[in-house]
Amino acid sequence: MTEPDGAIGLIDIQINGGWGHDFTADPSSIWEVGRRLPETGVTAFLPTIVSAPYEFVDAAIEVIRAGPPQGYDGADAVGLHIEGPWISREWKGAHNPDHLRLPDQGVARRWAESGSVKVVTLAPELDHAFEVAGILSDSGVVVSAGHSGADFETAAAALDGPWSSVTHLFNQMSPFHHRSPGLVGAAILSDRPCGVIVDGIHADPASVRLAWELLGPERFILVTDAMQATGLGEGIYILGDREVFVGPEGPRIGRAILAGSTLTMDQAVANLHDWTKATESQARACASTNPARLLEQESGR
């Protein structure tokens, strides 16, 4: 995770693909994307697998286990982020509903024992979610609350328990309301770090500024949620097994539902600095020190 001078390079803990590749559809492309990521300042990343049959996760685990090809020169794929299928149907976003499942303790043990799964996004309100979160967390896997309609009480209990982070704050989760604070309210009031997609599409710059003021420089983690179209132009692409149209308003399914982003991490850092009171050093730490601390804290449990 470090650059030659010893400084921590940029780390992206939620990235679905880029430069024409999608990790869920073709996990072998992890290394092709990894070769390009240093162009954006990223030296380590978590290839993210969206909701799909379990065998797709198994295939990605094998790619990570096998390691990069000989002569590989690129960012370090330090493990996988499994984003689904243990998410809410109501708050699934771009995920294919055909692939959603209830949390499974046997599968959780298998993922934990693989050593290749580093983050799992899990909706706390689902049946068996707390049991599964405990299995993962006890094995050093980061459990992240996201794609969830959890009420405030359930979300607060999760974040006071085995959930150690929040997946893309604001997006596809029970929103804040003054009489029903939801997952957004629980996340902000917790001490857990939150990923935020700072592209101006997933969250208005004013909302990014609000998140910065409420989370502070140590709990704010920049993520890109980048998908296949990153580094390319407008057109038709995929996210998992779903067709995505990329236009001026970002990647969309049916020209409505957001489906990842085309954000790069260097631009995310610049946006955070430009839109908030974050210094350049603080903005960079949100894409380096903070995600590194999250991963290291969990692996050391």
Protein backbone atom coordinates (compact mmCIF):
# COMPACT_ATOMS: atom_id res chain seq x y z
CA MET A 1 0.00 0.00 0.00
CA THR A 2 3.01 2.28 0.06
CA GLU A 3 4.83 4.25 -2.58
CA PRO A 4 8.63 4.06 -3.06
CA ASP A 5 9.25 6.97 -0.69
CA GLY A 6 7.32 5.22 2.09
CA ALA A 7 4.21 7.39 1.82
CA ILE A 8 0.85 5.65 1.63
CA GLY A 9 -0.49 5.65 -1.92
CA LEU A 10 -4.15 6.11 -2.73
CA ILE A 11 -6.37 3.15 -1.88
CA ASP A 12 -9.77 2.43 -3.43
CA ILE A 13 -11.85 0.00 -1.36
CA GLN A 14 -14.83 0.04 -3.73
CA ILE A 15 -14.17 -0.27 -7.44
CA ASN A 16 -16.14 -2.44 -9.88
CA GLY A 17 -13.84 -2.19 -12.89
CA GLY A 18 -12.65 0.27 -15.51
CA TRP A 19 -11.08 0.72 -18.92
CA GLY A 20 -13.57 -1.68 -20.51
CA HIS A 21 -13.44 -4.34 -17.77
CA ASP A 22 -15.98 -5.50 -15.17
CA PHE A 23 -14.70 -7.56 -12.24
CA THR A 24 -17.94 -9.45 -11.62
CA ALA A 25 -18.30 -10.57 -15.23
CA ASP A 26 -14.58 -11.29 -15.64
CA PRO A 27 -12.49 -11.37 -12.45
CA SER A 28 -9.34 -12.15 -14.44
CA SER A 29 -9.52 -8.51 -15.60
CA ILE A 30 -8.53 -7.38 -12.09
CA TRP A 31 -4.91 -7.23 -13.21
CA GLU A 32 -5.69 -5.32 -16.42
CA VAL A 33 -7.41 -2.61 -14.40
CA GLY A 34 -4.69 -2.78 -11.78
CA ARG A 35 -2.12 -1.88 -14.42
CA ARG A 36 -4.01 1.36 -15.16
CA LEU A 37 -4.82 2.46 -11.61
CA PRO A 38 -1.40 4.00 -10.83
CA GLU A 39 -2.22 6.55 -13.55
CA THR A 40 -4.85 7.84 -11.10
CA GLY A 41 -2.60 7.68 -8.03
CA VAL A 42 -3.99 4.38 -6.75
CA THR A 43 -1.43 1.89 -5.45
CA ALA A 44 -3.85 -0.55 -3.74
CA PHE A 45 -7.48 -1.51 -4.34
CA LEU A 46 -10.27 -3.90 -3.44
CA PRO A 47 -11.86 -5.29 -6.62
CA THR A 48 -15.59 -5.21 -5.92
CA ILE A 49 -17.99 -7.98 -6.88
CA VAL A 50 -21.64 -6.93 -7.11
CA SER A 51 -24.62 -9.21 -6.48
CA ALA A 52 -24.16 -12.41 -8.47
CA PRO A 53 -24.38 -16.18 -7.93
CA TYR A 54 -21.88 -17.38 -5.33
CA GLU A 55 -19.73 -19.06 -7.97
CA PHE A 56 -18.80 -15.61 -9.30
CA VAL A 57 -17.37 -14.73 -5.90
CA ASP A 58 -15.57 -18.08 -5.82
CA ALA A 59 -13.99 -17.29 -9.19
CA ALA A 60 -12.80 -13.89 -7.96
CA ILE A 61 -11.35 -15.47 -4.81
CA GLU A 62 -9.32 -17.84 -6.98
CA VAL A 63 -7.98 -14.92 -9.03
CA ILE A 64 -6.80 -13.16 -5.87
CA ARG A 65 -5.32 -16.36 -4.48
CA ALA A 66 -3.40 -17.02 -7.69
CA GLY A 67 -1.91 -13.54 -7.62
CA PRO A 68 -0.87 -11.30 -10.47
CA PRO A 69 0.72 -12.61 -13.66
CA GLN A 70 4.47 -12.71 -14.00
CA GLY A 71 5.93 -9.29 -14.65
CA TYR A 72 2.84 -7.49 -13.32
CA ASP A 73 3.41 -3.78 -12.72
CA GLY A 74 0.39 -2.15 -11.18
CA ALA A 75 -1.67 -1.48 -8.08
CA ASP A 76 -1.84 -4.12 -5.38
CA ALA A 77 -5.17 -6.00 -5.26
CA VAL A 78 -5.18 -6.56 -1.51
CA GLY A 79 -8.47 -8.48 -1.41
CA LEU A 80 -12.10 -8.39 -2.46
CA HIS A 81 -15.06 -6.22 -1.52
CA ILE A 82 -18.24 -8.32 -1.83
CA GLU A 83 -21.11 -5.85 -2.33
CA GLY A 84 -24.16 -8.09 -2.32
CA PRO A 85 -26.01 -10.40 -2.57
CA TRP A 86 -26.87 -9.81 1.13
CA ILE A 87 -28.61 -6.48 0.54
CA SER A 88 -32.14 -5.07 0.64
CA ARG A 89 -34.45 -5.61 -2.32
CA GLU A 90 -35.98 -2.19 -1.76
CA TRP A 91 -32.57 -0.51 -1.69
CA LYS A 92 -30.78 -2.69 -4.25
CA GLY A 93 -30.04 0.15 -6.66
CA ALA A 94 -28.37 -1.22 -9.79
CA HIS A 95 -28.00 -4.75 -8.41
CA ASN A 96 -29.87 -7.53 -10.20
CA PRO A 97 -32.75 -8.59 -7.90
CA ASP A 98 -32.55 -12.15 -9.25
CA HIS A 99 -29.25 -12.61 -7.41
CA LEU A 100 -30.20 -11.27 -3.97
CA ARG A 101 -30.02 -13.75 -1.10
CA LEU A 102 -30.42 -13.83 2.67
CA PRO A 103 -27.16 -13.91 4.63
CA ASP A 104 -25.73 -17.42 4.87
CA GLN A 105 -23.50 -18.45 7.77
CA GLY A 106 -21.82 -21.26 5.84
CA VAL A 107 -20.94 -18.98 2.96
CA ALA A 108 -19.71 -16.34 5.39
CA ARG A 109 -17.33 -18.86 6.97
CA ARG A 110 -16.05 -19.87 3.56
CA TRP A 111 -15.40 -16.26 2.57
CA ALA A 112 -13.71 -15.53 5.89
CA GLU A 113 -11.50 -18.61 5.67
CA SER A 114 -10.42 -17.74 2.12
CA GLY A 115 -8.31 -14.84 3.35
CA SER A 116 -9.14 -13.06 0.10
CA VAL A 117 -12.36 -11.31 1.17
CA LYS A 118 -11.61 -8.07 3.02
CA VAL A 119 -14.96 -6.21 2.97
CA VAL A 120 -18.57 -7.42 2.80
CA THR A 121 -21.47 -5.00 2.40
CA LEU A 122 -24.37 -6.35 4.46
CA ALA A 123 -27.82 -4.87 5.17
CA PRO A 124 -28.36 -5.15 8.96
CA GLU A 125 -32.13 -5.65 8.80
CA LEU A 126 -31.96 -8.96 6.91
CA ASP A 127 -32.61 -12.28 8.64
CA HIS A 128 -29.41 -13.74 10.19
CA ALA A 129 -27.48 -10.56 9.37
CA PHE A 130 -26.11 -10.14 12.90
CA GLU A 131 -24.96 -13.76 13.12
CA VAL A 132 -23.23 -13.52 9.76
CA ALA A 133 -21.68 -10.15 10.60
CA GLY A 134 -20.23 -11.67 13.76
CA ILE A 135 -18.63 -14.53 11.84
CA LEU A 136 -17.04 -12.14 9.36
CA SER A 137 -15.92 -9.54 11.88
CA ASP A 138 -14.41 -12.15 14.22
CA SER A 139 -12.29 -13.31 11.26
CA GLY A 140 -11.01 -9.81 10.51
CA VAL A 141 -13.34 -9.05 7.59
CA VAL A 142 -14.74 -5.50 7.45
CA VAL A 143 -18.54 -5.61 7.60
CA SER A 144 -20.00 -2.52 5.98
CA ALA A 145 -23.62 -1.33 6.28
CA GLY A 146 -25.12 -0.45 2.93
CA HIS A 147 -27.90 -1.01 0.41
CA SER A 148 -30.13 -1.08 3.46
CA GLY A 149 -33.51 0.16 4.62
CA ALA A 150 -32.67 -0.41 8.29
CA ASP A 151 -34.45 1.82 10.75
CA PHE A 152 -32.38 3.96 13.09
CA GLU A 153 -32.48 1.51 15.99
CA THR A 154 -31.36 -1.48 13.90
CA ALA A 155 -28.66 0.52 12.13
CA ALA A 156 -27.37 1.99 15.40
CA ALA A 157 -27.16 -1.48 16.98
CA ALA A 158 -25.27 -2.77 13.95
CA LEU A 159 -22.76 0.07 13.98
CA ASP A 160 -22.30 -0.36 17.72
CA GLY A 161 -21.62 -4.03 17.02
CA PRO A 162 -19.86 -5.99 14.27
CA TRP A 163 -20.42 -3.49 11.44
CA SER A 164 -17.25 -1.39 11.20
CA SER A 165 -18.01 0.92 8.27
CA VAL A 166 -20.69 2.28 5.94
CA THR A 167 -20.87 1.72 2.18
CA HIS A 168 -21.33 4.89 0.05
CA LEU A 169 -23.06 7.12 2.60
CA PHE A 170 -26.39 8.61 1.38
CA ASN A 171 -26.74 6.24 -1.58
CA GLN A 172 -29.25 3.36 -1.49
CA MET A 173 -29.98 3.51 2.23
CA SER A 174 -32.76 4.68 4.54
CA PRO A 175 -32.36 8.46 4.44
CA PHE A 176 -32.28 10.96 7.26
CA HIS A 177 -35.59 12.43 8.37
CA HIS A 178 -35.97 14.40 11.57
CA ARG A 179 -38.56 11.91 12.87
CA SER A 180 -36.90 8.83 11.36
CA PRO A 181 -33.10 9.25 11.17
CA GLY A 182 -32.52 5.97 9.31
CA LEU A 183 -29.14 4.49 8.44
CA VAL A 184 -27.81 7.90 7.43
CA GLY A 185 -28.53 9.29 10.89
CA ALA A 186 -27.11 6.22 12.64
CA ALA A 187 -23.97 6.36 10.50
CA ILE A 188 -23.29 10.00 11.27
CA LEU A 189 -23.90 9.56 15.01
CA SER A 190 -21.69 6.45 15.19
CA ASP A 191 -17.91 6.42 15.38
CA ARG A 192 -17.61 4.35 12.18
CA PRO A 193 -15.90 5.55 8.98
CA CYS A 194 -18.10 6.08 5.94
CA GLY A 195 -17.31 5.72 2.27
CA VAL A 196 -18.49 8.64 0.13
CA ILE A 197 -18.60 8.91 -3.68
CA VAL A 198 -17.49 12.48 -4.35
CA ASP A 199 -18.40 12.85 -8.03
CA GLY A 200 -21.13 15.50 -7.75
CA ILE A 201 -23.68 12.99 -9.04
CA HIS A 202 -24.06 10.51 -6.18
CA ALA A 203 -24.12 13.40 -3.72
CA ASP A 204 -24.44 17.13 -4.29
CA PRO A 205 -21.30 19.07 -3.33
CA ALA A 206 -23.30 20.65 -0.49
CA SER A 207 -24.05 17.18 0.88
CA VAL A 208 -20.38 16.28 0.59
CA ARG A 209 -19.57 19.43 2.56
CA LEU A 210 -22.13 18.46 5.21
CA ALA A 211 -20.68 14.94 5.45
CA TRP A 212 -17.19 16.39 5.84
CA GLU A 213 -18.30 18.64 8.69
CA LEU A 214 -20.15 15.83 10.48
CA LEU A 215 -17.72 12.95 9.92
CA GLY A 216 -14.49 14.87 10.26
CA PRO A 217 -11.16 14.11 8.58
CA GLU A 218 -10.62 10.69 10.22
CA ARG A 219 -14.00 9.06 9.43
CA PHE A 220 -14.36 10.20 5.82
CA ILE A 221 -13.23 7.60 3.25
CA LEU A 222 -13.19 8.40 -0.43
CA VAL A 223 -14.38 5.62 -2.75
CA THR A 224 -14.94 5.76 -6.49
CA ASP A 225 -17.47 2.94 -7.11
CA ALA A 226 -15.92 3.08 -10.58
CA MET A 227 -17.34 0.80 -13.26
CA GLN A 228 -16.41 -0.50 -16.72
CA ALA A 229 -16.74 2.87 -18.46
CA THR A 230 -14.12 4.56 -16.27
CA GLY A 231 -11.34 5.90 -18.46
CA LEU A 232 -13.53 5.64 -21.56
CA GLY A 233 -16.35 7.69 -23.08
CA GLU A 234 -20.12 7.66 -23.14
CA GLY A 235 -21.89 4.58 -24.41
CA ILE A 236 -23.34 1.22 -23.39
CA TYR A 237 -21.48 -0.84 -20.81
CA ILE A 238 -22.19 -3.46 -18.13
CA LEU A 239 -22.17 -3.71 -14.36
CA GLY A 240 -22.22 -7.38 -13.45
CA ASP A 241 -24.82 -8.74 -15.84
CA ARG A 242 -26.82 -5.52 -16.24
CA GLU A 243 -26.66 -3.10 -19.16
CA VAL A 244 -25.65 0.43 -18.21
CA PHE A 245 -25.99 3.61 -20.25
CA VAL A 246 -23.25 6.16 -19.59
CA GLY A 247 -24.10 9.73 -20.48
CA PRO A 248 -23.64 13.25 -19.10
CA GLU A 249 -25.48 12.34 -15.88
CA GLY A 250 -23.28 9.34 -15.16
CA PRO A 251 -23.84 5.59 -15.49
CA ARG A 252 -27.52 4.66 -15.38
CA ILE A 253 -29.73 1.62 -15.73
CA GLY A 254 -32.80 2.60 -17.70
CA ARG A 255 -31.41 6.13 -17.75
CA ALA A 256 -32.58 6.50 -14.14
CA ILE A 257 -30.87 4.25 -11.57
CA LEU A 258 -27.26 5.11 -10.82
CA ALA A 259 -24.95 2.19 -11.60
CA GLY A 260 -21.52 2.99 -10.25
CA SER A 261 -19.46 5.93 -11.44
CA THR A 262 -16.69 6.90 -13.83
CA LEU A 263 -14.83 8.74 -11.07
CA THR A 264 -11.10 8.29 -10.58
CA MET A 265 -9.50 8.57 -7.17
CA ASP A 266 -7.23 11.48 -8.02
CA GLN A 267 -10.31 13.44 -9.11
CA ALA A 268 -12.16 12.41 -5.94
CA VAL A 269 -9.34 13.81 -3.84
CA ALA A 270 -9.38 17.06 -5.83
CA ASN A 271 -13.18 17.35 -5.53
CA LEU A 272 -13.12 16.88 -1.76
CA HIS A 273 -10.49 19.59 -1.41
CA ASP A 274 -12.39 21.95 -3.73
CA TRP A 275 -15.87 21.42 -2.22
CA THR A 276 -15.04 21.40 1.50
CA LYS A 277 -12.64 22.89 3.99
CA ALA A 278 -10.40 19.83 3.69
CA THR A 279 -6.75 20.66 3.16
CA GLU A 280 -4.88 18.88 0.39
CA SER A 281 -3.24 16.66 3.00
CA GLN A 282 -6.57 15.82 4.65
CA ALA A 283 -8.25 15.08 1.33
CA ARG A 284 -5.43 12.74 0.37
CA ALA A 285 -5.62 10.99 3.76
CA CYS A 286 -9.27 10.20 3.07
CA ALA A 287 -8.07 8.07 0.15
CA SER A 288 -4.98 6.63 1.81
CA THR A 289 -4.51 6.69 5.58
CA ASN A 290 -8.20 6.29 6.43
CA PRO A 291 -8.96 3.23 4.28
CA ALA A 292 -5.62 1.69 5.28
CA ARG A 293 -6.51 2.16 8.94
CA LEU A 294 -9.91 0.52 8.44
CA LEU A 295 -8.40 -2.54 6.75
CA GLU A 296 -5.54 -2.86 9.22
CA GLN A 297 -7.77 -2.48 12.29
CA GLU A 298 -10.03 -5.27 11.16
CA SER A 299 -7.23 -7.61 10.06
CA GLY A 300 -5.61 -7.14 13.45
CA ARG A 301 -8.69 -8.08 15.48
